[in-house]
Amino acid sequence: MTSSNARPRNSTSRARPTKSRRIALRLTPELGERLDLAVAMSGRSQSDLVTEAIAEKASEIVRERRLLELTDYDMDALLEAIDHPPQPNEAMRRSIARWRKFRMSA
C-alpha cells in the first residue's frame, strides 16, 4: 500500500546530488532584500540561487588562478621560442602559404 503523499518514481528524472554541507551567512539588510527580490523574480529557492552563485564564483577563481600559475611557464616557453625559433618544417610552410593566400584574398 502506498501513501498518498509519496512521490511517484519517474525513471526519466535525474537524481539530485545529496547536499550535506551547511554554511551560515550574515547579510546586510540591503543584500538580504536584493537576495529576496532575486529569489522572487527567479522562482527558485534561496538555497538554489546561493548555491549556484557560489559554484560560479568558485569556478571563476579556480580558472583565474590556474591561468596565473601557467603564465610564468608559458612566458618562459614563448621567450625561448623567440630567442631560438625552430626551423620551419613542411607543415609550417604549408600553413604560411595558406595564410598568405587568405591574406591576399581578403
C-alpha atoms as a PDB file:
ATOM      1  CA  MET A   1       0.000   0.000   0.000  1.00  0.00           C
ATOM      2  CA  THR A   2       1.380   3.434  -0.933  1.00  0.00           C
ATOM      3  CA  SER A   3       0.892   6.690   0.851  1.00  0.00           C
ATOM      4  CA  SER A   4      -0.935   9.451  -0.980  1.00  0.00           C
ATOM      5  CA  ASN A   5       1.972  11.768  -0.115  1.00  0.00           C
ATOM      6  CA  ALA A   6       4.575   9.534  -1.721  1.00  0.00           C
ATOM      7  CA  ARG A   7       6.144  10.898  -4.879  1.00  0.00           C
ATOM      8  CA  PRO A   8       5.892   8.683  -7.925  1.00  0.00           C
ATOM      9  CA  ARG A   9       9.243   7.489  -9.203  1.00  0.00           C
ATOM     10  CA  ASN A  10       9.998   8.769 -12.638  1.00  0.00           C
ATOM     11  CA  SER A  11      12.725   6.900 -14.462  1.00  0.00           C
ATOM     12  CA  THR A  12      13.438   9.916 -16.690  1.00  0.00           C
ATOM     13  CA  SER A  13      14.107  12.344 -13.845  1.00  0.00           C
ATOM     14  CA  ARG A  14      17.697  12.894 -12.806  1.00  0.00           C
ATOM     15  CA  ALA A  15      18.808  12.094  -9.297  1.00  0.00           C
ATOM     16  CA  ARG A  16      19.940  15.212  -7.462  1.00  0.00           C
ATOM     17  CA  PRO A  17      23.251  15.025  -5.659  1.00  0.00           C
ATOM     18  CA  THR A  18      22.973  14.747  -1.908  1.00  0.00           C
ATOM     19  CA  LYS A  19      23.722  18.022  -0.182  1.00  0.00           C
ATOM     20  CA  SER A  20      25.237  17.505   3.221  1.00  0.00           C
ATOM     21  CA  ARG A  21      27.349  20.584   3.905  1.00  0.00           C
ATOM     22  CA  ARG A  22      25.757  23.620   5.529  1.00  0.00           C
ATOM     23  CA  ILE A  23      27.044  27.161   5.710  1.00  0.00           C
ATOM     24  CA  ALA A  24      25.659  30.112   7.642  1.00  0.00           C
ATOM     25  CA  LEU A  25      25.686  33.587   6.152  1.00  0.00           C
ATOM     26  CA  ARG A  26      25.149  37.009   7.651  1.00  0.00           C
ATOM     27  CA  LEU A  27      23.868  39.578   5.184  1.00  0.00           C
ATOM     28  CA  THR A  28      23.371  43.297   5.374  1.00  0.00           C
ATOM     29  CA  PRO A  29      19.716  44.313   5.209  1.00  0.00           C
ATOM     30  CA  GLU A  30      20.303  45.689   1.691  1.00  0.00           C
ATOM     31  CA  LEU A  31      21.882  42.477   0.413  1.00  0.00           C
ATOM     32  CA  GLY A  32      19.168  40.419   2.089  1.00  0.00           C
ATOM     33  CA  GLU A  33      16.492  42.472   0.319  1.00  0.00           C
ATOM     34  CA  ARG A  34      18.301  42.059  -3.005  1.00  0.00           C
ATOM     35  CA  LEU A  35      18.506  38.308  -2.444  1.00  0.00           C
ATOM     36  CA  ASP A  36      14.801  38.139  -1.573  1.00  0.00           C
ATOM     37  CA  LEU A  37      13.956  40.060  -4.746  1.00  0.00           C
ATOM     38  CA  ALA A  38      16.136  37.792  -6.890  1.00  0.00           C
ATOM     39  CA  VAL A  39      14.511  34.709  -5.338  1.00  0.00           C
ATOM     40  CA  ALA A  40      11.033  36.102  -6.022  1.00  0.00           C
ATOM     41  CA  MET A  41      11.901  37.075  -9.594  1.00  0.00           C
ATOM     42  CA  SER A  42      13.632  33.799 -10.437  1.00  0.00           C
ATOM     43  CA  GLY A  43      11.069  31.487  -8.859  1.00  0.00           C
ATOM     44  CA  ARG A  44      13.901  29.434  -7.423  1.00  0.00           C
ATOM     45  CA  SER A  45      14.731  28.649  -3.851  1.00  0.00           C
ATOM     46  CA  GLN A  46      17.127  30.806  -1.895  1.00  0.00           C
ATOM     47  CA  SER A  47      19.347  27.787  -1.398  1.00  0.00           C
ATOM     48  CA  ASP A  48      19.493  27.021  -5.134  1.00  0.00           C
ATOM     49  CA  LEU A  49      20.247  30.639  -6.004  1.00  0.00           C
ATOM     50  CA  VAL A  50      23.033  30.980  -3.438  1.00  0.00           C
ATOM     51  CA  THR A  51      24.483  27.563  -4.302  1.00  0.00           C
ATOM     52  CA  GLU A  52      24.648  28.462  -7.996  1.00  0.00           C
ATOM     53  CA  ALA A  53      26.306  31.810  -7.216  1.00  0.00           C
ATOM     54  CA  ILE A  54      28.913  30.091  -5.037  1.00  0.00           C
ATOM     55  CA  ALA A  55      29.615  27.466  -7.721  1.00  0.00           C
ATOM     56  CA  GLU A  56      30.044  30.110 -10.436  1.00  0.00           C
ATOM     57  CA  LYS A  57      32.347  32.310  -8.348  1.00  0.00           C
ATOM     58  CA  ALA A  58      34.417  29.361  -7.129  1.00  0.00           C
ATOM     59  CA  SER A  59      34.889  28.137 -10.716  1.00  0.00           C
ATOM     60  CA  GLU A  60      35.911  31.635 -11.820  1.00  0.00           C
ATOM     61  CA  ILE A  61      38.527  31.899  -9.052  1.00  0.00           C
ATOM     62  CA  VAL A  62      39.954  28.452  -9.815  1.00  0.00           C
ATOM     63  CA  ARG A  63      40.109  29.256 -13.568  1.00  0.00           C
ATOM     64  CA  GLU A  64      41.861  32.583 -12.937  1.00  0.00           C
ATOM     65  CA  ARG A  65      44.341  31.017 -10.535  1.00  0.00           C
ATOM     66  CA  ARG A  66      45.206  28.237 -12.966  1.00  0.00           C
ATOM     67  CA  LEU A  67      45.846  30.820 -15.693  1.00  0.00           C
ATOM     68  CA  LEU A  68      48.111  32.775 -13.375  1.00  0.00           C
ATOM     69  CA  GLU A  69      50.023  29.660 -12.443  1.00  0.00           C
ATOM     70  CA  LEU A  70      50.631  28.872 -16.107  1.00  0.00           C
ATOM     71  CA  THR A  71      51.642  32.398 -17.027  1.00  0.00           C
ATOM     72  CA  ASP A  72      55.279  32.177 -15.884  1.00  0.00           C
ATOM     73  CA  TYR A  73      55.760  28.812 -17.581  1.00  0.00           C
ATOM     74  CA  ASP A  74      54.104  29.996 -20.777  1.00  0.00           C
ATOM     75  CA  MET A  75      56.124  33.220 -20.828  1.00  0.00           C
ATOM     76  CA  ASP A  76      59.379  31.274 -20.437  1.00  0.00           C
ATOM     77  CA  ALA A  77      58.385  28.969 -23.307  1.00  0.00           C
ATOM     78  CA  LEU A  78      57.430  31.936 -25.506  1.00  0.00           C
ATOM     79  CA  LEU A  79      60.679  33.788 -24.832  1.00  0.00           C
ATOM     80  CA  GLU A  80      62.658  30.616 -25.526  1.00  0.00           C
ATOM     81  CA  ALA A  81      60.835  30.151 -28.850  1.00  0.00           C
ATOM     82  CA  ILE A  82      61.509  33.788 -29.802  1.00  0.00           C
ATOM     83  CA  ASP A  83      65.194  33.521 -28.900  1.00  0.00           C
ATOM     84  CA  HIS A  84      65.618  30.116 -30.552  1.00  0.00           C
ATOM     85  CA  PRO A  85      62.918  29.658 -33.197  1.00  0.00           C
ATOM     86  CA  PRO A  86      62.579  26.196 -34.699  1.00  0.00           C
ATOM     87  CA  GLN A  87      63.390  25.656 -38.359  1.00  0.00           C
ATOM     88  CA  PRO A  88      60.199  25.646 -40.435  1.00  0.00           C
ATOM     89  CA  ASN A  89      59.031  22.153 -41.319  1.00  0.00           C
ATOM     90  CA  GLU A  90      56.806  21.204 -44.245  1.00  0.00           C
ATOM     91  CA  ALA A  91      53.572  21.618 -42.267  1.00  0.00           C
ATOM     92  CA  MET A  92      54.624  25.104 -41.159  1.00  0.00           C
ATOM     93  CA  ARG A  93      55.488  26.056 -44.770  1.00  0.00           C
ATOM     94  CA  ARG A  94      52.046  24.901 -45.962  1.00  0.00           C
ATOM     95  CA  SER A  95      50.380  26.843 -43.153  1.00  0.00           C
ATOM     96  CA  ILE A  96      52.284  30.023 -44.031  1.00  0.00           C
ATOM     97  CA  ALA A  97      51.324  29.614 -47.694  1.00  0.00           C
ATOM     98  CA  ARG A  98      47.628  29.224 -46.765  1.00  0.00           C
ATOM     99  CA  TRP A  99      47.844  32.288 -44.514  1.00  0.00           C
ATOM    100  CA  ARG A 100      49.434  34.389 -47.268  1.00  0.00           C
ATOM    101  CA  LYS A 101      46.818  33.227 -49.783  1.00  0.00           C
ATOM    102  CA  PHE A 102      43.995  34.041 -47.359  1.00  0.00           C
ATOM    103  CA  ARG A 103      45.516  37.437 -46.512  1.00  0.00           C
ATOM    104  CA  MET A 104      45.876  38.391 -50.169  1.00  0.00           C
ATOM    105  CA  SER A 105      42.277  37.443 -50.968  1.00  0.00           C
ATOM    106  CA  ALA A 106      40.821  39.458 -48.083  1.00  0.00           C
END
